[in-house]
Each structure stands twice: as structure tokens, then as C-alpha cells.
Amino acid sequence: SVSKPVGSSNFQVYDSVRGIYLTSLSVEFSQGDSVAAATMKALEGNFRASGSGDSIYFSRILGVAEKSAGPLSGWNYYVNGQKPSISAGAYHLKEGDVILWKFLEDGVN
């Protein structure tokens, strides 16, 4: 399954439309950092996001933009294989967490 970490990486970006990992790396984050903060650190500017804090929204990651694979396509994040019901800015990490961003043809439903 795509939620399995690759080696010791704790941050992955997976394009499920094309079926490829765009990146898989090990990111150092502090206990309590948000998924958004860890994502911005990992991607080093290679993303587009709007809003901030609890209402941040990632519309483009590593060159893949929302709606590029249909009107509902977009990015969702998972922590340890589970999809949280809160934004990436509101989810606070704990030690050992694994972040997976997944580009989905239907990222809405």
C-alpha cells in the first residue's frame, strides 16, 4: 500500500493519478509542529499554498496542481495512513509520525 514508508523516510508525496512517488525523504520536525509547517520545510518552496495557520490550503505540490487531472482533483494528506478531518495547519505532529501527501483524481469526496 502507498502509506508504507520507503526506507526511513517520514515524508512522501504520491501522485495516485500517474501512480508515482514524486518524493520520499526524511524530514526533521519538532513535536507539535503542524503538517503544514513540516510540508513547507520538506518542499523548500516547491509548492503553492493559500491561507495560513489552521486554514492553510496546498493547491500545488512539486509542480502538480489541483484540478490538473479533472475538476475535483487535488491534494489530501495522511498521517500514519489515516486521513485526518482537519487542515494540515491544524494537525500537530508527534514523534514517529509519517506524512503522506496524495494527489487524487477526486480529492473532494
N, C-alpha and C. Protein backbone atom coordinates (compact mmCIF):
# COMPACT_ATOMS: atom_id res chain seq x y z
N SER A 1 0.85 -1.19 0.00
CA SER A 1 0.00 0.00 0.00
C SER A 1 0.89 1.24 0.00
N VAL A 2 0.37 2.34 -0.49
CA VAL A 2 1.20 3.54 -0.65
C VAL A 2 1.49 4.22 0.68
N SER A 3 0.85 3.83 1.76
CA SER A 3 1.10 4.53 3.02
C SER A 3 2.31 3.97 3.75
N LYS A 4 2.94 2.93 3.20
CA LYS A 4 4.13 2.37 3.83
C LYS A 4 5.34 3.27 3.57
N PRO A 5 6.08 3.62 4.61
CA PRO A 5 7.25 4.46 4.37
C PRO A 5 8.29 3.75 3.52
N VAL A 6 9.01 4.52 2.72
CA VAL A 6 10.08 3.99 1.90
C VAL A 6 11.37 4.18 2.69
N GLY A 7 11.99 3.12 3.13
CA GLY A 7 13.18 3.23 3.96
C GLY A 7 12.86 3.94 5.26
N SER A 8 13.67 4.93 5.62
CA SER A 8 13.45 5.63 6.87
C SER A 8 12.74 6.96 6.64
N SER A 9 12.18 7.16 5.45
CA SER A 9 11.56 8.45 5.18
C SER A 9 10.27 8.60 5.97
N ASN A 10 9.97 9.85 6.34
CA ASN A 10 8.74 10.12 7.06
C ASN A 10 7.89 11.15 6.33
N PHE A 11 8.29 11.46 5.09
CA PHE A 11 7.55 12.43 4.29
C PHE A 11 7.53 11.96 2.85
N GLN A 12 6.33 11.67 2.33
CA GLN A 12 6.21 11.22 0.95
C GLN A 12 5.16 12.02 0.22
N VAL A 13 5.37 12.17 -1.08
CA VAL A 13 4.39 12.79 -1.95
C VAL A 13 4.11 11.79 -3.06
N TYR A 14 2.83 11.42 -3.20
CA TYR A 14 2.44 10.37 -4.15
C TYR A 14 1.39 10.91 -5.10
N ASP A 15 1.63 10.76 -6.39
CA ASP A 15 0.66 11.14 -7.42
C ASP A 15 -0.11 9.87 -7.79
N SER A 16 -1.34 9.73 -7.25
CA SER A 16 -2.10 8.50 -7.49
C SER A 16 -2.69 8.46 -8.90
N VAL A 17 -2.74 9.60 -9.58
CA VAL A 17 -3.24 9.62 -10.95
C VAL A 17 -2.22 8.95 -11.88
N ARG A 18 -0.94 9.30 -11.70
CA ARG A 18 0.11 8.70 -12.52
C ARG A 18 0.74 7.46 -11.86
N GLY A 19 0.45 7.25 -10.58
CA GLY A 19 0.96 6.08 -9.88
C GLY A 19 2.44 6.16 -9.56
N ILE A 20 2.92 7.38 -9.23
CA ILE A 20 4.35 7.53 -8.94
C ILE A 20 4.57 8.37 -7.68
N TYR A 21 5.66 8.04 -6.97
CA TYR A 21 6.10 8.89 -5.87
C TYR A 21 6.88 10.06 -6.46
N LEU A 22 6.54 11.28 -6.06
CA LEU A 22 7.26 12.46 -6.51
C LEU A 22 8.45 12.75 -5.61
N THR A 23 8.33 12.37 -4.34
CA THR A 23 9.46 12.47 -3.43
C THR A 23 9.22 11.57 -2.23
N SER A 24 10.31 11.18 -1.61
CA SER A 24 10.25 10.41 -0.38
C SER A 24 11.51 10.76 0.40
N LEU A 25 11.34 11.47 1.51
CA LEU A 25 12.53 11.91 2.22
C LEU A 25 12.30 11.92 3.72
N SER A 26 13.37 12.16 4.42
CA SER A 26 13.32 12.20 5.87
C SER A 26 13.38 13.67 6.30
N VAL A 27 12.34 14.11 7.01
CA VAL A 27 12.24 15.49 7.45
C VAL A 27 12.30 15.53 8.97
N GLU A 28 13.09 16.46 9.48
CA GLU A 28 13.11 16.64 10.93
C GLU A 28 12.06 17.66 11.29
N PHE A 29 11.13 17.25 12.15
CA PHE A 29 10.16 18.22 12.66
C PHE A 29 10.11 18.08 14.17
N SER A 30 9.64 19.14 14.81
CA SER A 30 9.55 19.13 16.27
C SER A 30 8.17 18.66 16.68
N GLN A 31 8.12 17.99 17.81
CA GLN A 31 6.85 17.57 18.38
C GLN A 31 5.94 18.80 18.44
N GLY A 32 4.73 18.68 17.91
CA GLY A 32 3.79 19.79 17.93
C GLY A 32 3.79 20.65 16.68
N ASP A 33 4.80 20.48 15.80
CA ASP A 33 4.76 21.17 14.52
C ASP A 33 3.52 20.72 13.75
N SER A 34 2.97 21.61 12.95
CA SER A 34 1.83 21.21 12.13
C SER A 34 2.32 20.47 10.88
N VAL A 35 1.41 19.72 10.26
CA VAL A 35 1.72 19.06 8.99
C VAL A 35 2.12 20.12 7.96
N ALA A 36 1.44 21.26 7.99
CA ALA A 36 1.75 22.33 7.04
C ALA A 36 3.19 22.82 7.22
N ALA A 37 3.61 23.03 8.46
CA ALA A 37 4.97 23.51 8.73
C ALA A 37 6.00 22.49 8.25
N ALA A 38 5.76 21.22 8.55
CA ALA A 38 6.68 20.16 8.12
C ALA A 38 6.71 20.07 6.59
N THR A 39 5.54 20.26 5.95
CA THR A 39 5.44 20.19 4.49
C THR A 39 6.22 21.34 3.85
N MET A 40 6.06 22.55 4.38
CA MET A 40 6.77 23.69 3.81
C MET A 40 8.28 23.53 3.96
N LYS A 41 8.71 22.97 5.08
CA LYS A 41 10.13 22.72 5.30
C LYS A 41 10.63 21.67 4.31
N ALA A 42 9.88 20.60 4.14
CA ALA A 42 10.29 19.50 3.26
C ALA A 42 10.35 19.92 1.80
N LEU A 43 9.39 20.71 1.36
CA LEU A 43 9.27 21.05 -0.06
C LEU A 43 10.11 22.25 -0.46
N GLU A 44 10.68 22.97 0.52
CA GLU A 44 11.61 24.07 0.23
C GLU A 44 11.09 25.01 -0.85
N GLY A 45 9.84 25.42 -0.74
CA GLY A 45 9.29 26.40 -1.68
C GLY A 45 8.67 25.81 -2.93
N ASN A 46 8.78 24.51 -3.12
CA ASN A 46 8.24 23.89 -4.32
C ASN A 46 6.77 23.51 -4.12
N PHE A 47 5.97 24.52 -3.76
CA PHE A 47 4.54 24.31 -3.53
C PHE A 47 3.84 25.64 -3.69
N ARG A 48 2.52 25.59 -3.80
CA ARG A 48 1.72 26.81 -3.73
C ARG A 48 0.65 26.57 -2.67
N ALA A 49 0.53 27.51 -1.76
CA ALA A 49 -0.46 27.39 -0.70
C ALA A 49 -1.15 28.73 -0.52
N SER A 50 -2.41 28.67 -0.09
CA SER A 50 -3.14 29.89 0.24
C SER A 50 -3.62 29.79 1.68
N GLY A 51 -3.91 30.92 2.25
CA GLY A 51 -4.30 30.94 3.66
C GLY A 51 -3.09 30.72 4.54
N SER A 52 -3.34 30.64 5.84
CA SER A 52 -2.24 30.41 6.77
C SER A 52 -2.81 29.79 8.04
N GLY A 53 -1.91 29.37 8.91
CA GLY A 53 -2.35 28.78 10.17
C GLY A 53 -3.30 27.61 9.95
N ASP A 54 -4.38 27.57 10.71
CA ASP A 54 -5.32 26.46 10.63
C ASP A 54 -6.05 26.37 9.30
N SER A 55 -6.04 27.45 8.52
CA SER A 55 -6.81 27.42 7.27
C SER A 55 -5.92 27.39 6.03
N ILE A 56 -4.67 26.95 6.19
CA ILE A 56 -3.79 26.85 5.02
C ILE A 56 -4.28 25.75 4.08
N TYR A 57 -4.10 25.98 2.80
CA TYR A 57 -4.54 25.02 1.79
C TYR A 57 -3.45 24.90 0.73
N PHE A 58 -3.03 23.67 0.45
CA PHE A 58 -1.99 23.42 -0.56
C PHE A 58 -2.66 23.10 -1.89
N SER A 59 -2.43 23.95 -2.89
CA SER A 59 -3.07 23.76 -4.20
C SER A 59 -2.11 23.17 -5.23
N ARG A 60 -0.80 23.28 -4.97
CA ARG A 60 0.19 22.74 -5.90
C ARG A 60 1.36 22.22 -5.09
N ILE A 61 1.78 20.99 -5.40
CA ILE A 61 2.92 20.39 -4.72
C ILE A 61 3.82 19.76 -5.79
N LEU A 62 5.09 20.14 -5.77
CA LEU A 62 6.09 19.60 -6.70
C LEU A 62 5.60 19.66 -8.15
N GLY A 63 4.99 20.78 -8.51
CA GLY A 63 4.58 21.01 -9.89
C GLY A 63 3.24 20.42 -10.28
N VAL A 64 2.60 19.68 -9.39
CA VAL A 64 1.29 19.09 -9.71
C VAL A 64 0.20 19.93 -9.05
N ALA A 65 -0.65 20.52 -9.88
CA ALA A 65 -1.65 21.46 -9.38
C ALA A 65 -3.03 20.80 -9.26
N GLU A 66 -3.79 21.30 -8.27
CA GLU A 66 -5.18 20.87 -8.15
C GLU A 66 -5.89 21.11 -9.48
N LYS A 67 -6.90 20.33 -9.78
CA LYS A 67 -7.72 20.43 -10.98
C LYS A 67 -6.97 20.07 -12.27
N SER A 68 -5.69 19.64 -12.16
CA SER A 68 -4.93 19.30 -13.37
C SER A 68 -5.32 17.91 -13.90
N ALA A 69 -6.04 17.13 -13.10
CA ALA A 69 -6.49 15.81 -13.56
C ALA A 69 -8.02 15.72 -13.45
N GLY A 70 -8.68 16.84 -13.69
CA GLY A 70 -10.14 16.88 -13.60
C GLY A 70 -10.58 17.89 -12.56
N PRO A 71 -11.86 18.26 -12.59
CA PRO A 71 -12.35 19.36 -11.75
C PRO A 71 -12.29 19.09 -10.24
N LEU A 72 -12.27 17.84 -9.83
CA LEU A 72 -12.25 17.52 -8.40
C LEU A 72 -10.86 17.11 -7.91
N SER A 73 -9.88 17.07 -8.82
CA SER A 73 -8.57 16.56 -8.43
C SER A 73 -7.88 17.54 -7.49
N GLY A 74 -7.13 16.98 -6.55
CA GLY A 74 -6.43 17.81 -5.60
C GLY A 74 -5.64 16.99 -4.60
N TRP A 75 -5.03 17.70 -3.66
CA TRP A 75 -4.12 17.11 -2.69
C TRP A 75 -4.81 16.82 -1.37
N ASN A 76 -4.56 15.63 -0.82
CA ASN A 76 -5.00 15.26 0.53
C ASN A 76 -3.79 14.76 1.28
N TYR A 77 -3.78 14.97 2.58
CA TYR A 77 -2.66 14.46 3.37
C TYR A 77 -3.15 13.36 4.31
N TYR A 78 -2.21 12.48 4.65
CA TYR A 78 -2.47 11.36 5.56
C TYR A 78 -1.35 11.34 6.58
N VAL A 79 -1.68 10.98 7.80
CA VAL A 79 -0.66 10.79 8.82
C VAL A 79 -0.78 9.36 9.30
N ASN A 80 0.31 8.61 9.18
CA ASN A 80 0.34 7.19 9.56
C ASN A 80 -0.79 6.41 8.88
N GLY A 81 -1.05 6.77 7.61
CA GLY A 81 -2.03 6.04 6.82
C GLY A 81 -3.47 6.46 7.04
N GLN A 82 -3.73 7.39 7.95
CA GLN A 82 -5.09 7.86 8.21
C GLN A 82 -5.27 9.27 7.66
N LYS A 83 -6.49 9.54 7.15
CA LYS A 83 -6.77 10.87 6.62
C LYS A 83 -7.47 11.70 7.69
N PRO A 84 -6.76 12.67 8.29
CA PRO A 84 -7.39 13.50 9.32
C PRO A 84 -8.50 14.36 8.74
N SER A 85 -9.44 14.77 9.58
CA SER A 85 -10.57 15.57 9.11
C SER A 85 -10.33 17.06 9.34
N ILE A 86 -9.10 17.44 9.68
CA ILE A 86 -8.77 18.85 9.89
C ILE A 86 -7.66 19.24 8.92
N SER A 87 -7.47 20.55 8.76
CA SER A 87 -6.48 21.03 7.79
C SER A 87 -5.06 20.69 8.22
N ALA A 88 -4.16 20.75 7.25
CA ALA A 88 -2.75 20.46 7.51
C ALA A 88 -2.16 21.47 8.50
N GLY A 89 -2.75 22.65 8.58
CA GLY A 89 -2.25 23.66 9.51
C GLY A 89 -2.72 23.42 10.93
N ALA A 90 -3.78 22.62 11.07
CA ALA A 90 -4.37 22.38 12.40
C ALA A 90 -3.92 21.05 13.01
N TYR A 91 -3.32 20.18 12.18
CA TYR A 91 -2.90 18.86 12.67
C TYR A 91 -1.48 18.96 13.21
N HIS A 92 -1.32 18.64 14.49
CA HIS A 92 0.01 18.74 15.13
C HIS A 92 0.64 17.36 15.26
N LEU A 93 1.89 17.28 14.84
CA LEU A 93 2.60 16.00 14.74
C LEU A 93 3.19 15.58 16.07
N LYS A 94 3.35 14.27 16.19
CA LYS A 94 4.11 13.74 17.32
C LYS A 94 5.24 12.89 16.77
N GLU A 95 6.18 12.56 17.63
CA GLU A 95 7.37 11.84 17.21
C GLU A 95 6.98 10.53 16.54
N GLY A 96 7.63 10.21 15.42
CA GLY A 96 7.37 8.95 14.73
C GLY A 96 6.28 9.02 13.67
N ASP A 97 5.59 10.16 13.58
CA ASP A 97 4.53 10.29 12.57
C ASP A 97 5.13 10.26 11.16
N VAL A 98 4.36 9.71 10.24
CA VAL A 98 4.73 9.65 8.82
C VAL A 98 3.68 10.42 8.03
N ILE A 99 4.13 11.40 7.26
CA ILE A 99 3.24 12.24 6.45
C ILE A 99 3.25 11.73 5.01
N LEU A 100 2.08 11.59 4.45
CA LEU A 100 1.94 11.25 3.03
C LEU A 100 0.97 12.24 2.40
N TRP A 101 1.44 12.95 1.38
CA TRP A 101 0.55 13.78 0.56
C TRP A 101 0.18 12.97 -0.67
N LYS A 102 -1.09 12.90 -0.98
CA LYS A 102 -1.55 12.10 -2.10
C LYS A 102 -2.37 12.98 -3.04
N PHE A 103 -1.98 12.96 -4.33
CA PHE A 103 -2.77 13.67 -5.34
C PHE A 103 -3.82 12.71 -5.86
N LEU A 104 -5.09 13.11 -5.75
CA LEU A 104 -6.20 12.23 -6.09
C LEU A 104 -7.05 12.85 -7.21
N GLU A 105 -7.58 11.96 -8.06
CA GLU A 105 -8.48 12.43 -9.12
C GLU A 105 -9.73 13.06 -8.50
N ASP A 106 -10.17 12.49 -7.38
CA ASP A 106 -11.25 13.10 -6.62
C ASP A 106 -10.76 13.39 -5.22
N GLY A 107 -10.24 14.59 -5.03
CA GLY A 107 -9.71 14.97 -3.74
C GLY A 107 -10.76 15.61 -2.85
N VAL A 108 -12.00 15.64 -3.33
CA VAL A 108 -13.07 16.33 -2.62
C VAL A 108 -13.89 15.35 -1.79
N ASN A 109 -14.23 14.21 -2.37
CA ASN A 109 -15.16 13.28 -1.70
C ASN A 109 -14.47 12.16 -0.95
